[in-house]
Amino acid sequence: MKGPFVNGLVFQTTIQAGIVAFRDFGTDDYPAVETGEEEILFLPGSLTVMGENDADVNVEVHAGWNAVSGAELVFDGTMEFTSGVLSVSEPENPDEASLQLPRAGEWKVRVFRRQQQDDQDVYYVFDRSQWRNG
C-alpha cells in the first residue's frame, strides 16, 4: 500500500444515512450520543461524524493532506486500529467498506467536513509520514 497512495486519495465510498462511522474493523464499541448536538462522537477505536440531516455522505480517505479547501476540521487526534483495518459504515448498519492499512496500531488522523444542501463530504486524512513509513 505504499508508494502510489501517499499524498492522495486512498479510498472512497458513499454512506446514505447522514452519519458515518470510522472504526477499527471488528469493534462494536460505538461512542454514545449525549446531547444530540455533537458534531463527532469519539472513542480511541471509533469515530462517528454526525450530519446536519439525513443526506448522503461522500467519504474520501486520504494520506497526506494538511487541510481541505472549503471544509471545516472536526477532528485532529489519534485513533487505534488493532486489526490494521479501517471500517467505514453507518453506525447501525453492518454493511461496511473496509481498507487494509499499512500496519496495525495508533494513527494520527484529521477529519474534515463540508456540509452542503443535498449531501455532505467527509475527508478522513491519515498522517503522510506515518502512511509512508507504514
C-alpha atoms as a PDB file:
ATOM      1  CA  MET A   1       0.000   0.000   0.000  1.00  0.00           C
ATOM      2  CA  LYS A   2       2.979   2.352  -0.054  1.00  0.00           C
ATOM      3  CA  GLY A   3       4.020   4.492  -2.967  1.00  0.00           C
ATOM      4  CA  PRO A   4       1.083   5.390  -5.193  1.00  0.00           C
ATOM      5  CA  PHE A   5      -1.261   6.194  -2.274  1.00  0.00           C
ATOM      6  CA  VAL A   6       0.985   8.621  -0.412  1.00  0.00           C
ATOM      7  CA  ASN A   7      -0.307  12.176  -0.712  1.00  0.00           C
ATOM      8  CA  GLY A   8      -3.580  11.316  -2.318  1.00  0.00           C
ATOM      9  CA  LEU A   9      -6.849   9.524  -2.445  1.00  0.00           C
ATOM     10  CA  VAL A  10      -6.669   6.040  -0.955  1.00  0.00           C
ATOM     11  CA  PHE A  11     -10.322   5.037  -0.755  1.00  0.00           C
ATOM     12  CA  GLN A  12     -13.824   6.430  -1.312  1.00  0.00           C
ATOM     13  CA  THR A  13     -17.423   5.390  -0.671  1.00  0.00           C
ATOM     14  CA  THR A  14     -20.899   6.878  -0.121  1.00  0.00           C
ATOM     15  CA  ILE A  15     -22.930   6.332   3.045  1.00  0.00           C
ATOM     16  CA  GLN A  16     -26.659   7.033   2.785  1.00  0.00           C
ATOM     17  CA  ALA A  17     -27.699   7.912   6.319  1.00  0.00           C
ATOM     18  CA  GLY A  18     -26.249  11.331   7.128  1.00  0.00           C
ATOM     19  CA  ILE A  19     -23.965   9.754   9.744  1.00  0.00           C
ATOM     20  CA  VAL A  20     -20.694   7.942   9.071  1.00  0.00           C
ATOM     21  CA  ALA A  21     -18.637   5.789  11.437  1.00  0.00           C
ATOM     22  CA  PHE A  22     -14.909   5.198  11.049  1.00  0.00           C
ATOM     23  CA  ARG A  23     -13.750   2.349  13.254  1.00  0.00           C
ATOM     24  CA  ASP A  24     -11.285  -0.412  13.883  1.00  0.00           C
ATOM     25  CA  PHE A  25     -12.583  -3.455  11.993  1.00  0.00           C
ATOM     26  CA  GLY A  26     -14.334  -5.902  14.297  1.00  0.00           C
ATOM     27  CA  THR A  27     -15.175  -3.493  17.113  1.00  0.00           C
ATOM     28  CA  ASP A  28     -18.800  -2.845  18.042  1.00  0.00           C
ATOM     29  CA  ASP A  29     -17.794  -0.227  20.566  1.00  0.00           C
ATOM     30  CA  TYR A  30     -19.517   2.936  19.357  1.00  0.00           C
ATOM     31  CA  PRO A  31     -19.493   6.205  21.282  1.00  0.00           C
ATOM     32  CA  ALA A  32     -22.884   7.204  22.703  1.00  0.00           C
ATOM     33  CA  VAL A  33     -24.840  10.336  21.785  1.00  0.00           C
ATOM     34  CA  GLU A  34     -25.093  12.549  24.867  1.00  0.00           C
ATOM     35  CA  THR A  35     -26.866  15.757  23.824  1.00  0.00           C
ATOM     36  CA  GLY A  36     -27.760  15.224  20.171  1.00  0.00           C
ATOM     37  CA  GLU A  37     -25.804  18.389  19.313  1.00  0.00           C
ATOM     38  CA  GLU A  38     -22.431  16.687  18.855  1.00  0.00           C
ATOM     39  CA  GLU A  39     -20.564  17.058  15.552  1.00  0.00           C
ATOM     40  CA  ILE A  40     -18.484  13.990  16.324  1.00  0.00           C
ATOM     41  CA  LEU A  41     -18.523  11.097  18.772  1.00  0.00           C
ATOM     42  CA  PHE A  42     -15.150   9.587  19.655  1.00  0.00           C
ATOM     43  CA  LEU A  43     -13.594   6.543  21.288  1.00  0.00           C
ATOM     44  CA  PRO A  44      -9.989   5.513  20.505  1.00  0.00           C
ATOM     45  CA  GLY A  45     -11.158   2.832  18.031  1.00  0.00           C
ATOM     46  CA  SER A  46     -14.306   4.539  16.731  1.00  0.00           C
ATOM     47  CA  LEU A  47     -15.144   7.989  15.384  1.00  0.00           C
ATOM     48  CA  THR A  48     -18.652   8.934  14.259  1.00  0.00           C
ATOM     49  CA  VAL A  49     -19.255  12.115  12.240  1.00  0.00           C
ATOM     50  CA  MET A  50     -22.796  13.433  12.602  1.00  0.00           C
ATOM     51  CA  GLY A  51     -24.508  15.171   9.694  1.00  0.00           C
ATOM     52  CA  GLU A  52     -26.973  18.048   9.935  1.00  0.00           C
ATOM     53  CA  ASN A  53     -29.556  15.973   8.054  1.00  0.00           C
ATOM     54  CA  ASP A  54     -30.042  12.502   6.540  1.00  0.00           C
ATOM     55  CA  ALA A  55     -28.345  13.416   3.260  1.00  0.00           C
ATOM     56  CA  ASP A  56     -25.768  11.145   1.626  1.00  0.00           C
ATOM     57  CA  VAL A  57     -22.231  11.301   2.975  1.00  0.00           C
ATOM     58  CA  ASN A  58     -19.470  11.197   0.358  1.00  0.00           C
ATOM     59  CA  VAL A  59     -16.431   9.749   2.123  1.00  0.00           C
ATOM     60  CA  GLU A  60     -12.853  10.081   0.947  1.00  0.00           C
ATOM     61  CA  VAL A  61      -9.852   8.629   2.770  1.00  0.00           C
ATOM     62  CA  HIS A  62      -6.548  10.343   2.004  1.00  0.00           C
ATOM     63  CA  ALA A  63      -2.922  10.139   3.040  1.00  0.00           C
ATOM     64  CA  GLY A  64      -1.061  13.381   3.426  1.00  0.00           C
ATOM     65  CA  TRP A  65      -3.312  16.435   3.295  1.00  0.00           C
ATOM     66  CA  ASN A  66      -2.837  19.258   5.775  1.00  0.00           C
ATOM     67  CA  ALA A  67      -6.192  20.907   5.028  1.00  0.00           C
ATOM     68  CA  VAL A  68      -9.178  20.524   2.742  1.00  0.00           C
ATOM     69  CA  SER A  69     -10.304  23.656   0.915  1.00  0.00           C
ATOM     70  CA  GLY A  70     -13.761  24.819   1.992  1.00  0.00           C
ATOM     71  CA  ALA A  71     -14.145  22.163   4.698  1.00  0.00           C
ATOM     72  CA  GLU A  72     -14.073  22.514   8.483  1.00  0.00           C
ATOM     73  CA  LEU A  73     -11.717  20.493  10.657  1.00  0.00           C
ATOM     74  CA  VAL A  74     -13.897  18.430  13.034  1.00  0.00           C
ATOM     75  CA  PHE A  75     -11.260  16.059  14.472  1.00  0.00           C
ATOM     76  CA  ASP A  76      -7.485  16.164  14.901  1.00  0.00           C
ATOM     77  CA  GLY A  77      -6.188  13.300  17.006  1.00  0.00           C
ATOM     78  CA  THR A  78      -5.119   9.678  17.249  1.00  0.00           C
ATOM     79  CA  MET A  79      -7.121   6.538  16.570  1.00  0.00           C
ATOM     80  CA  GLU A  80      -6.293   2.931  17.425  1.00  0.00           C
ATOM     81  CA  PHE A  81      -6.544   0.206  14.771  1.00  0.00           C
ATOM     82  CA  THR A  82      -5.572  -3.056  16.474  1.00  0.00           C
ATOM     83  CA  SER A  83      -6.860  -5.033  13.482  1.00  0.00           C
ATOM     84  CA  GLY A  84      -4.933  -2.936  10.956  1.00  0.00           C
ATOM     85  CA  VAL A  85      -8.176  -2.368   9.039  1.00  0.00           C
ATOM     86  CA  LEU A  86     -10.275   0.819   8.797  1.00  0.00           C
ATOM     87  CA  SER A  87     -14.001   0.113   8.543  1.00  0.00           C
ATOM     88  CA  VAL A  88     -16.412   2.760   7.185  1.00  0.00           C
ATOM     89  CA  SER A  89     -20.180   2.368   7.627  1.00  0.00           C
ATOM     90  CA  GLU A  90     -23.408   3.725   9.017  1.00  0.00           C
ATOM     91  CA  PRO A  91     -23.297   3.161  12.796  1.00  0.00           C
ATOM     92  CA  GLU A  92     -26.400   0.934  12.805  1.00  0.00           C
ATOM     93  CA  ASN A  93     -25.692  -0.925   9.556  1.00  0.00           C
ATOM     94  CA  PRO A  94     -23.431  -3.987   9.447  1.00  0.00           C
ATOM     95  CA  ASP A  95     -22.645  -3.399   5.744  1.00  0.00           C
ATOM     96  CA  GLU A  96     -19.295  -1.722   5.632  1.00  0.00           C
ATOM     97  CA  ALA A  97     -16.481  -0.793   3.330  1.00  0.00           C
ATOM     98  CA  SER A  98     -13.007  -1.528   4.619  1.00  0.00           C
ATOM     99  CA  LEU A  99      -9.422  -0.582   3.906  1.00  0.00           C
ATOM    100  CA  GLN A 100      -6.316  -2.566   4.874  1.00  0.00           C
ATOM    101  CA  LEU A 101      -3.847  -0.148   6.499  1.00  0.00           C
ATOM    102  CA  PRO A 102      -0.077  -0.435   6.036  1.00  0.00           C
ATOM    103  CA  ARG A 103       0.152  -1.546   9.698  1.00  0.00           C
ATOM    104  CA  ALA A 104      -1.897  -2.039  12.871  1.00  0.00           C
ATOM    105  CA  GLY A 105      -1.626   0.386  15.799  1.00  0.00           C
ATOM    106  CA  GLU A 106      -2.112   4.072  16.511  1.00  0.00           C
ATOM    107  CA  TRP A 107      -2.602   6.508  13.647  1.00  0.00           C
ATOM    108  CA  LYS A 108      -2.712  10.295  13.601  1.00  0.00           C
ATOM    109  CA  VAL A 109      -5.783  11.384  11.663  1.00  0.00           C
ATOM    110  CA  ARG A 110      -7.658  14.532  10.756  1.00  0.00           C
ATOM    111  CA  VAL A 111     -11.289  14.609   9.706  1.00  0.00           C
ATOM    112  CA  PHE A 112     -12.782  17.447   7.664  1.00  0.00           C
ATOM    113  CA  ARG A 113     -16.430  18.007   6.772  1.00  0.00           C
ATOM    114  CA  ARG A 114     -18.070  20.127   4.089  1.00  0.00           C
ATOM    115  CA  GLN A 115     -21.837  20.340   4.595  1.00  0.00           C
ATOM    116  CA  GLN A 116     -23.906  21.055   1.501  1.00  0.00           C
ATOM    117  CA  GLN A 117     -27.627  21.305   0.921  1.00  0.00           C
ATOM    118  CA  ASP A 118     -28.150  17.849  -0.595  1.00  0.00           C
ATOM    119  CA  ASP A 119     -25.182  15.946   0.808  1.00  0.00           C
ATOM    120  CA  GLN A 120     -22.001  16.267   2.807  1.00  0.00           C
ATOM    121  CA  ASP A 121     -18.385  15.450   2.102  1.00  0.00           C
ATOM    122  CA  VAL A 122     -16.251  13.900   4.833  1.00  0.00           C
ATOM    123  CA  TYR A 123     -12.496  13.607   4.379  1.00  0.00           C
ATOM    124  CA  TYR A 124     -10.616  11.195   6.648  1.00  0.00           C
ATOM    125  CA  VAL A 125      -6.920  12.014   6.373  1.00  0.00           C
ATOM    126  CA  PHE A 126      -4.024   9.899   7.619  1.00  0.00           C
ATOM    127  CA  ASP A 127      -0.711  11.484   8.567  1.00  0.00           C
ATOM    128  CA  ARG A 128       1.556  11.412   5.498  1.00  0.00           C
ATOM    129  CA  SER A 129       4.768  10.330   7.225  1.00  0.00           C
ATOM    130  CA  GLN A 130       3.058   7.528   9.155  1.00  0.00           C
ATOM    131  CA  TRP A 131       1.441   6.248   5.961  1.00  0.00           C
ATOM    132  CA  ARG A 132       4.684   6.411   4.016  1.00  0.00           C
ATOM    133  CA  ASN A 133       6.634   4.616   6.742  1.00  0.00           C
ATOM    134  CA  GLY A 134       3.864   2.078   7.366  1.00  0.00           C
END
